[in-house]
Amino acid sequence: MSEKGSFQNGNKVSDSSSTGSSTDGSCTKLKMQDDTKDEKQTMSMPVVVVKLSICFITGIVFGFALEKGRVFEPKSIRDQMVFKSFIMLKMFLAATGTGHIVFGLLSAIPATKSYFVAVSDEFVSCFKEKGILTSMIGPFVLGIGMTLSGACPGMVLAQVGAWSTNSIFTLIGCLFGALTYGMIGPFISKIARPKKCLENHQVHSTLKWPFIAIALPMGLLIGAVVVILEIFWDWQKDLSNLNPNRTRLHDDNIFVAVAWRPSISGIIIGLLQLPIVFAVKDTLGGSSSYVTVVSQWLVTKNIQEIFPYLEKKRTGVGNWWQVFYVSGAILGGAISALLSNTMATAHGPSIPAALFGGIIMLWGARLAAGCTSGHGLSGLGLLAWLSFLAVPCMFAGAIGTGFAMQATGALDDYMQYTLQT
């Protein structure tokens, strides 16, 4: 997710909380919960190392699953937007449905309920300066960037690891987008901030139903949709369309196989919510890691005061866990590609499309307070109202751009090697 709190000296200091906000309707008058202070005093360096190591390993699995599912390929993403392929949809729905079930069980089991409450409060705190307008415009812009670059803030990590054509330029665009947004973020937040927060940020709190009573049936329903898609839309056909030159798609050894069934990869990614929840009391997301990386040049107090948005993301485990997670995703994508001998075989967009797509992807994600992982996997899984608004807008922007590119012949314009323009 995006507007996360931070750990200072090993302790999490949440920017806001669904239970810690003021009662006057203001989206800015927020207070720190006392338990975060206690956590600050008890977290030691070995604990921090363990938490970051768990996030790094989780990222490796994430990148590995993306590469094996072939959803990371730019053609897979673009073709999904014009309904020529359903690899991305199968994986996305499988991961989202699994997330519903995971969060539902966490909310119902007494031993894990406190973790569920913590991650729900943390997720909702991301929306303290976000409203309906930003949750529509931001995702729409993000969707445009997704189709242009054939990526998303999480997908580009596996692309770089597997050295997909020009993916490094998409990553550079994402970093530049994070930097430029971060420099003017306070101004944008000021003009886009809603006058009054939503009274209830999650579906179950609005309906006053137990979370599991909504999440579990929704997860099972989504699972049924995925099964139907797998039965009636041959995933192997989609694989052959990605790259007709690949002859060995399957192997008895799952680690060296070129591809896994998309739904299997999606389920694995959905289950990755668990280590993140237990390690850092957070949810899957990656776009704010870009802000953390580009904020490292703020080395003096005067500069930090000029750019408070960037400064807030600069230090602490609450920010850096995502950096470890996305770094692991790059390594996971590389390991998977090396094992299956698919390194540098995924063709990508031109350099201009990669750069510009990366820039506006991060602008959209920052404005929306979440990306495909933050809003799509975690927000929908936690039944967040703004995520149910953001995800359709995200795909609307992506699909509209896809058909526009198809009409102009640009959709199937792929480069075979990096630096080819």
Protein backbone atom coordinates (compact mmCIF):
# COMPACT_ATOMS: atom_id res chain seq x y z
CA MET A 1 0.00 0.00 0.00
CA SER A 2 1.10 3.60 -0.07
CA GLU A 3 0.67 6.23 2.63
CA LYS A 4 2.11 4.02 5.32
CA GLY A 5 3.31 5.00 8.73
CA SER A 6 6.97 4.57 9.58
CA PHE A 7 9.21 2.84 12.06
CA GLN A 8 11.61 5.18 13.75
CA ASN A 9 14.52 3.42 15.41
CA GLY A 10 12.75 0.14 14.90
CA ASN A 11 9.28 1.26 15.90
CA LYS A 12 6.18 1.85 13.90
CA VAL A 13 4.60 5.28 14.09
CA SER A 14 1.37 5.17 12.15
CA ASP A 15 0.34 8.29 10.27
CA SER A 16 -3.23 7.63 11.30
CA SER A 17 -5.60 4.90 12.31
CA SER A 18 -9.22 4.05 11.84
CA THR A 19 -9.48 3.88 15.59
CA GLY A 20 -7.13 6.73 16.39
CA SER A 21 -8.58 9.56 14.35
CA SER A 22 -10.40 12.53 15.75
CA THR A 23 -14.18 12.49 15.89
CA ASP A 24 -14.77 15.88 14.27
CA GLY A 25 -14.69 14.54 10.71
CA SER A 26 -11.29 16.04 9.94
CA CYS A 27 -8.97 14.00 7.73
CA THR A 28 -5.86 15.61 9.18
CA LYS A 29 -6.33 15.73 12.95
CA LEU A 30 -4.98 12.35 13.90
CA LYS A 31 -3.34 10.96 16.99
CA MET A 32 -0.78 8.26 17.66
CA GLN A 33 -1.90 5.12 19.44
CA ASP A 34 -0.15 4.33 22.71
CA ASP A 35 0.61 0.76 21.72
CA THR A 36 2.89 1.91 18.91
CA LYS A 37 5.05 3.60 21.54
CA ASP A 38 5.33 0.37 23.43
CA GLU A 39 6.32 -1.42 20.23
CA LYS A 40 9.05 1.16 19.68
CA GLN A 41 10.61 0.46 23.04
CA THR A 42 10.60 -3.32 22.67
CA MET A 43 11.77 -3.85 19.08
CA SER A 44 15.46 -4.78 19.00
CA MET A 45 17.87 -4.92 16.09
CA PRO A 46 17.71 -8.74 15.78
CA VAL A 47 13.92 -8.48 15.54
CA VAL A 48 14.26 -5.83 12.83
CA VAL A 49 16.67 -8.07 10.89
CA VAL A 50 14.26 -11.00 11.11
CA LYS A 51 11.33 -8.88 9.93
CA LEU A 52 13.23 -7.49 6.96
CA SER A 53 14.55 -10.94 6.08
CA ILE A 54 11.00 -12.32 6.02
CA CYS A 55 9.93 -9.50 3.71
CA PHE A 56 12.90 -10.14 1.42
CA ILE A 57 12.15 -13.86 1.19
CA THR A 58 8.47 -13.09 0.60
CA GLY A 59 9.50 -10.83 -2.25
CA ILE A 60 11.58 -13.61 -3.79
CA VAL A 61 8.54 -15.89 -3.81
CA PHE A 62 6.42 -13.06 -5.24
CA GLY A 63 8.83 -12.45 -8.13
CA PHE A 64 9.24 -16.19 -8.74
CA ALA A 65 5.47 -16.68 -8.95
CA LEU A 66 5.02 -13.71 -11.29
CA GLU A 67 7.69 -15.01 -13.67
CA LYS A 68 6.36 -18.57 -13.58
CA GLY A 69 2.80 -17.39 -14.18
CA ARG A 70 4.00 -15.42 -17.25
CA VAL A 71 1.75 -12.58 -16.14
CA PHE A 72 4.79 -10.32 -15.93
CA GLU A 73 5.30 -10.33 -19.71
CA PRO A 74 4.30 -6.99 -21.29
CA LYS A 75 2.36 -8.79 -24.02
CA SER A 76 0.39 -10.71 -21.40
CA ILE A 77 -0.63 -7.45 -19.72
CA ARG A 78 -1.46 -5.59 -22.94
CA ASP A 79 -3.38 -8.55 -24.42
CA GLN A 80 -5.46 -8.79 -21.24
CA MET A 81 -6.63 -5.22 -21.75
CA VAL A 82 -8.11 -6.06 -25.16
CA PHE A 83 -9.32 -9.50 -23.99
CA LYS A 84 -6.96 -11.49 -26.23
CA SER A 85 -5.50 -13.26 -23.18
CA PHE A 86 -6.76 -14.01 -19.68
CA ILE A 87 -3.55 -14.89 -17.87
CA MET A 88 -3.57 -11.65 -15.91
CA LEU A 89 -7.25 -11.85 -14.96
CA LYS A 90 -6.94 -15.46 -13.77
CA MET A 91 -3.93 -14.67 -11.61
CA PHE A 92 -5.39 -11.41 -10.28
CA LEU A 93 -8.70 -13.01 -9.32
CA ALA A 94 -7.00 -16.05 -7.76
CA ALA A 95 -4.74 -13.80 -5.66
CA THR A 96 -7.62 -11.54 -4.64
CA GLY A 97 -9.93 -14.41 -3.75
CA THR A 98 -7.20 -16.07 -1.72
CA GLY A 99 -6.66 -12.76 0.07
CA HIS A 100 -10.34 -12.62 1.00
CA ILE A 101 -10.13 -16.07 2.55
CA VAL A 102 -6.84 -15.31 4.33
CA PHE A 103 -8.12 -12.07 5.85
CA GLY A 104 -11.46 -13.68 6.69
CA LEU A 105 -9.79 -16.45 8.65
CA LEU A 106 -7.44 -14.02 10.38
CA SER A 107 -10.43 -11.97 11.51
CA ALA A 108 -12.22 -14.99 12.95
CA ILE A 109 -9.42 -16.87 14.72
CA PRO A 110 -8.94 -15.45 18.23
CA ALA A 111 -5.17 -15.85 18.16
CA THR A 112 -4.84 -13.82 14.94
CA LYS A 113 -7.66 -11.32 15.29
CA SER A 114 -5.35 -8.64 16.71
CA TYR A 115 -3.20 -8.90 13.58
CA PHE A 116 -6.25 -8.45 11.38
CA VAL A 117 -7.35 -5.38 13.33
CA ALA A 118 -3.83 -3.94 13.07
CA VAL A 119 -3.54 -4.38 9.30
CA SER A 120 -7.08 -3.07 8.76
CA ASP A 121 -6.29 0.07 10.77
CA GLU A 122 -3.00 0.50 8.93
CA PHE A 123 -4.66 0.12 5.55
CA VAL A 124 -7.47 2.54 6.36
CA SER A 125 -4.92 5.08 7.60
CA CYS A 126 -3.71 5.36 3.99
CA PHE A 127 -6.94 7.13 3.08
CA LYS A 128 -6.73 10.02 5.55
CA GLU A 129 -6.10 12.46 2.67
CA LYS A 130 -7.82 10.49 -0.09
CA GLY A 131 -11.38 10.60 -1.29
CA ILE A 132 -13.59 9.50 -4.17
CA LEU A 133 -11.99 11.86 -6.72
CA THR A 134 -8.40 10.76 -6.10
CA SER A 135 -9.53 7.12 -5.96
CA MET A 136 -10.91 7.49 -9.48
CA ILE A 137 -8.41 9.73 -11.24
CA GLY A 138 -5.28 8.15 -9.76
CA PRO A 139 -6.14 4.56 -10.72
CA PHE A 140 -7.31 5.67 -14.18
CA VAL A 141 -3.91 7.30 -14.81
CA LEU A 142 -2.19 4.21 -13.36
CA GLY A 143 -4.14 2.04 -15.80
CA ILE A 144 -3.01 4.12 -18.77
CA GLY A 145 0.60 3.67 -17.68
CA MET A 146 0.09 -0.07 -17.23
CA THR A 147 -0.92 -0.59 -20.84
CA LEU A 148 1.69 1.78 -22.26
CA SER A 149 4.53 0.06 -20.42
CA GLY A 150 3.00 -3.41 -20.25
CA ALA A 151 3.72 -3.42 -16.54
CA CYS A 152 2.55 -2.30 -13.11
CA PRO A 153 4.59 -1.15 -10.10
CA GLY A 154 4.87 -4.74 -8.87
CA MET A 155 5.14 -6.49 -12.23
CA VAL A 156 8.10 -4.39 -13.40
CA LEU A 157 10.21 -5.93 -10.63
CA ALA A 158 9.91 -9.44 -12.08
CA GLN A 159 10.42 -7.94 -15.53
CA VAL A 160 13.75 -6.44 -14.48
CA GLY A 161 14.78 -9.69 -12.81
CA ALA A 162 13.99 -11.69 -15.94
CA TRP A 163 15.43 -8.85 -18.07
CA SER A 164 12.32 -8.24 -20.12
CA THR A 165 13.08 -5.88 -22.98
CA ASN A 166 13.37 -2.24 -21.86
CA SER A 167 11.94 -3.06 -18.43
CA ILE A 168 14.84 -1.20 -16.85
CA PHE A 169 13.47 1.98 -18.45
CA THR A 170 10.05 1.30 -16.98
CA LEU A 171 11.73 1.01 -13.58
CA ILE A 172 13.61 4.29 -14.17
CA GLY A 173 10.32 5.93 -15.13
CA CYS A 174 8.70 4.64 -11.93
CA LEU A 175 11.53 6.08 -9.83
CA PHE A 176 11.34 9.43 -11.62
CA GLY A 177 7.57 9.46 -11.19
CA ALA A 178 7.95 8.77 -7.48
CA LEU A 179 10.52 11.57 -7.15
CA THR A 180 8.50 14.20 -9.00
CA TYR A 181 5.27 13.31 -7.25
CA GLY A 182 7.05 13.33 -3.91
CA MET A 183 8.37 16.83 -4.50
CA ILE A 184 4.92 18.29 -5.11
CA GLY A 185 2.91 15.74 -3.15
CA PRO A 186 1.91 18.14 -0.33
CA PHE A 187 0.41 20.59 -2.85
CA ILE A 188 -1.56 17.83 -4.58
CA SER A 189 -2.74 16.44 -1.25
CA LYS A 190 -3.89 19.89 -0.18
CA ILE A 191 -6.08 20.54 -3.20
CA ALA A 192 -7.35 16.94 -3.46
CA ARG A 193 -8.00 16.34 0.23
CA PRO A 194 -11.70 15.64 0.92
CA LYS A 195 -13.40 17.95 3.37
CA LYS A 196 -14.70 15.00 5.34
CA CYS A 197 -13.50 11.41 5.65
CA LEU A 198 -15.73 8.46 4.91
CA GLU A 199 -17.47 7.41 8.10
CA ASN A 200 -16.84 3.75 7.34
CA HIS A 201 -13.98 2.75 5.07
CA GLN A 202 -14.80 -0.95 4.82
CA VAL A 203 -17.86 -2.80 3.59
CA HIS A 204 -18.36 -4.92 6.70
CA SER A 205 -18.24 -1.89 9.02
CA THR A 206 -20.87 -0.14 6.89
CA LEU A 207 -23.17 -3.15 6.90
CA LYS A 208 -22.27 -3.97 10.52
CA TRP A 209 -21.64 -7.58 9.58
CA PRO A 210 -18.76 -9.78 10.72
CA PHE A 211 -15.87 -9.44 8.27
CA ILE A 212 -15.71 -13.16 7.55
CA ALA A 213 -19.42 -13.26 6.69
CA ILE A 214 -18.63 -11.14 3.61
CA ALA A 215 -15.02 -11.99 2.85
CA LEU A 216 -15.29 -15.78 2.87
CA PRO A 217 -18.28 -16.08 0.49
CA MET A 218 -16.71 -13.44 -1.77
CA GLY A 219 -13.45 -15.36 -1.85
CA LEU A 220 -15.22 -18.61 -2.69
CA LEU A 221 -17.28 -16.89 -5.41
CA ILE A 222 -14.15 -15.43 -6.98
CA GLY A 223 -12.55 -18.87 -6.79
CA ALA A 224 -15.49 -20.33 -8.70
CA VAL A 225 -15.07 -17.69 -11.41
CA VAL A 226 -11.38 -18.59 -11.73
CA VAL A 227 -12.23 -22.29 -12.08
CA ILE A 228 -14.73 -21.49 -14.85
CA LEU A 229 -12.14 -19.36 -16.66
CA GLU A 230 -9.55 -22.13 -16.38
CA ILE A 231 -12.02 -24.67 -17.79
CA PHE A 232 -13.32 -22.64 -20.71
CA TRP A 233 -10.23 -20.59 -21.63
CA ASP A 234 -7.17 -22.72 -22.35
CA TRP A 235 -4.18 -21.21 -20.55
CA GLN A 236 -1.75 -23.09 -22.80
CA LYS A 237 -3.17 -21.28 -25.80
CA ASP A 238 -2.36 -17.98 -24.11
CA LEU A 239 1.17 -19.21 -23.44
CA SER A 240 1.79 -20.12 -27.06
CA ASN A 241 0.51 -16.72 -28.17
CA LEU A 242 2.99 -14.97 -25.88
CA ASN A 243 5.99 -16.42 -27.66
CA PRO A 244 5.48 -19.00 -30.42
CA ASN A 245 9.22 -19.76 -30.43
CA ARG A 246 9.07 -21.40 -27.01
CA THR A 247 8.88 -25.15 -27.44
CA ARG A 248 9.30 -26.46 -23.87
CA LEU A 249 6.59 -24.97 -21.70
CA HIS A 250 6.22 -27.76 -19.14
CA ASP A 251 8.53 -29.92 -17.10
CA ASP A 252 8.15 -32.54 -14.40
CA ASN A 253 10.29 -30.28 -12.22
CA ILE A 254 8.07 -27.30 -11.38
CA PHE A 255 11.07 -25.09 -10.67
CA VAL A 256 12.49 -25.37 -14.18
CA ALA A 257 9.13 -25.31 -15.97
CA VAL A 258 8.62 -22.27 -18.16
CA ALA A 259 5.10 -21.67 -16.93
CA TRP A 260 2.65 -22.53 -14.19
CA ARG A 261 -1.11 -22.40 -14.43
CA PRO A 262 -2.03 -18.73 -13.75
CA SER A 263 -4.46 -19.57 -10.96
CA ILE A 264 -1.76 -21.51 -9.08
CA SER A 265 0.60 -18.55 -9.21
CA GLY A 266 -2.24 -16.31 -8.08
CA ILE A 267 -3.04 -18.48 -5.08
CA ILE A 268 0.62 -18.43 -4.03
CA ILE A 269 0.71 -14.63 -4.27
CA GLY A 270 -2.52 -14.35 -2.26
CA LEU A 271 -1.02 -16.51 0.49
CA LEU A 272 1.94 -14.13 0.72
CA GLN A 273 -0.32 -11.80 2.69
CA LEU A 274 0.36 -14.06 5.69
CA PRO A 275 4.10 -13.50 6.17
CA ILE A 276 3.71 -9.75 5.63
CA VAL A 277 0.85 -9.56 8.13
CA PHE A 278 2.75 -11.48 10.80
CA ALA A 279 6.13 -9.85 10.15
CA VAL A 280 5.24 -6.15 9.89
CA LYS A 281 1.47 -6.01 10.44
CA ASP A 282 0.96 -4.71 6.94
CA THR A 283 -0.35 -5.94 3.59
CA LEU A 284 1.07 -6.58 0.13
CA GLY A 285 2.03 -3.44 -1.74
CA GLY A 286 5.05 -2.01 -3.46
CA SER A 287 4.56 1.44 -4.92
CA SER A 288 5.66 3.39 -1.85
CA SER A 289 9.02 1.58 -1.96
CA TYR A 290 9.90 3.73 -4.95
CA VAL A 291 9.34 6.85 -2.85
CA THR A 292 11.57 5.46 -0.09
CA VAL A 293 14.39 4.85 -2.57
CA VAL A 294 14.25 8.28 -4.22
CA SER A 295 13.96 10.08 -0.87
CA GLN A 296 17.48 9.14 0.21
CA TRP A 297 18.96 12.38 -1.14
CA LEU A 298 17.21 14.34 1.62
CA VAL A 299 20.27 14.46 3.85
CA THR A 300 19.89 17.88 5.48
CA LYS A 301 17.17 19.15 7.77
CA ASN A 302 16.42 22.16 5.55
CA ILE A 303 15.79 19.97 2.52
CA GLN A 304 13.71 17.58 4.59
CA GLU A 305 11.47 20.46 5.67
CA ILE A 306 10.98 21.52 2.05
CA PHE A 307 9.86 18.04 0.95
CA PRO A 308 7.91 16.54 3.88
CA TYR A 309 6.22 13.88 1.74
CA LEU A 310 9.57 12.40 0.77
CA GLU A 311 11.01 12.81 4.26
CA LYS A 312 8.15 10.82 5.75
CA LYS A 313 9.10 7.85 3.55
CA ARG A 314 12.86 8.08 3.98
CA THR A 315 13.64 6.01 7.08
CA GLY A 316 12.29 3.29 9.32
CA VAL A 317 11.34 -0.35 8.96
CA GLY A 318 7.76 0.67 8.20
CA ASN A 319 9.06 2.14 4.94
CA TRP A 320 12.08 -0.03 4.24
CA TRP A 321 10.30 -3.37 4.49
CA GLN A 322 8.81 -2.69 1.07
CA VAL A 323 12.25 -1.94 -0.37
CA PHE A 324 13.47 -5.32 0.87
CA TYR A 325 10.31 -6.92 -0.49
CA VAL A 326 10.63 -5.43 -4.00
CA SER A 327 14.36 -6.20 -4.06
CA GLY A 328 13.49 -9.80 -3.33
CA ALA A 329 10.95 -9.73 -6.16
CA ILE A 330 13.66 -8.74 -8.64
CA LEU A 331 15.83 -11.61 -7.42
CA GLY A 332 12.88 -14.03 -7.52
CA GLY A 333 12.15 -13.13 -11.13
CA ALA A 334 15.80 -13.63 -12.03
CA ILE A 335 16.04 -17.01 -10.29
CA SER A 336 12.91 -18.27 -12.01
CA ALA A 337 14.08 -17.10 -15.44
CA LEU A 338 17.50 -18.67 -14.98
CA LEU A 339 16.04 -22.00 -13.89
CA SER A 340 13.67 -22.15 -16.88
CA ASN A 341 16.18 -20.65 -19.33
CA THR A 342 13.79 -17.79 -20.18
CA MET A 343 16.07 -14.90 -19.28
CA ALA A 344 15.59 -11.97 -21.70
CA THR A 345 12.97 -13.79 -23.78
CA ALA A 346 9.99 -11.55 -22.92
CA HIS A 347 9.68 -8.75 -25.47
CA GLY A 348 8.76 -5.32 -24.19
CA PRO A 349 7.68 -1.81 -25.20
CA SER A 350 9.77 0.91 -26.79
CA ILE A 351 11.93 3.07 -24.53
CA PRO A 352 9.57 6.11 -24.72
CA ALA A 353 6.54 3.95 -23.86
CA ALA A 354 8.42 2.29 -21.01
CA LEU A 355 9.65 5.58 -19.54
CA PHE A 356 6.41 7.54 -19.86
CA GLY A 357 4.33 4.56 -18.76
CA GLY A 358 6.48 4.13 -15.67
CA ILE A 359 6.23 7.80 -14.76
CA ILE A 360 2.45 8.03 -14.93
CA MET A 361 2.03 4.64 -13.25
CA LEU A 362 3.70 5.98 -10.13
CA TRP A 363 1.87 9.28 -10.33
CA GLY A 364 -1.41 7.40 -10.48
CA ALA A 365 -0.44 5.02 -7.68
CA ARG A 366 0.68 7.87 -5.40
CA LEU A 367 -2.45 9.89 -6.08
CA ALA A 368 -4.65 6.84 -5.45
CA ALA A 369 -2.73 5.71 -2.35
CA GLY A 370 -2.22 2.28 -3.86
CA CYS A 371 -1.37 0.24 -6.95
CA THR A 372 -2.53 -3.10 -8.36
CA SER A 373 -1.16 -4.84 -5.27
CA GLY A 374 -2.20 -2.21 -2.73
CA HIS A 375 -5.74 -1.59 -3.96
CA GLY A 376 -6.25 -4.73 -6.01
CA LEU A 377 -4.92 -7.52 -3.80
CA SER A 378 -4.94 -5.93 -0.35
CA GLY A 379 -7.69 -3.32 -0.60
CA LEU A 380 -10.26 -5.65 -2.14
CA GLY A 381 -9.19 -8.37 0.29
CA LEU A 382 -9.86 -6.02 3.22
CA LEU A 383 -13.20 -4.92 1.72
CA ALA A 384 -12.11 -1.26 1.43
CA TRP A 385 -14.75 0.88 -0.25
CA LEU A 386 -12.23 3.09 -2.06
CA SER A 387 -10.46 0.03 -3.43
CA PHE A 388 -13.74 -1.24 -4.90
CA LEU A 389 -13.89 2.12 -6.66
CA ALA A 390 -10.20 2.28 -7.59
CA VAL A 391 -9.82 -1.13 -9.24
CA PRO A 392 -12.57 -0.66 -11.88
CA CYS A 393 -11.18 2.80 -12.69
CA MET A 394 -7.70 1.29 -13.01
CA PHE A 395 -8.86 -1.28 -15.52
CA ALA A 396 -11.02 1.30 -17.30
CA GLY A 397 -7.93 3.39 -17.98
CA ALA A 398 -5.94 0.31 -19.00
CA ILE A 399 -8.64 -1.15 -21.26
CA GLY A 400 -9.41 2.19 -22.91
CA THR A 401 -5.72 2.70 -23.64
CA GLY A 402 -5.43 -0.86 -24.90
CA PHE A 403 -8.17 -0.49 -27.49
CA ALA A 404 -6.84 2.94 -28.52
CA MET A 405 -3.40 1.42 -29.07
CA GLN A 406 -4.92 -1.50 -30.94
CA ALA A 407 -6.73 0.89 -33.26
CA THR A 408 -3.48 2.66 -34.10
CA GLY A 409 -1.44 -0.52 -34.42
CA ALA A 410 0.75 0.37 -31.42
CA LEU A 411 -0.51 -2.40 -29.15
CA ASP A 412 1.64 -5.10 -30.79
CA ASP A 413 4.70 -2.89 -31.15
CA TYR A 414 7.31 -4.80 -29.13
CA MET A 415 11.08 -4.53 -29.00
CA GLN A 416 13.16 -7.70 -29.09
CA TYR A 417 16.12 -6.40 -27.12
CA THR A 418 16.87 -3.65 -24.61
CA LEU A 419 17.85 -0.23 -26.03
CA GLN A 420 15.98 -0.97 -29.23
CA THR A 421 13.67 1.99 -29.87
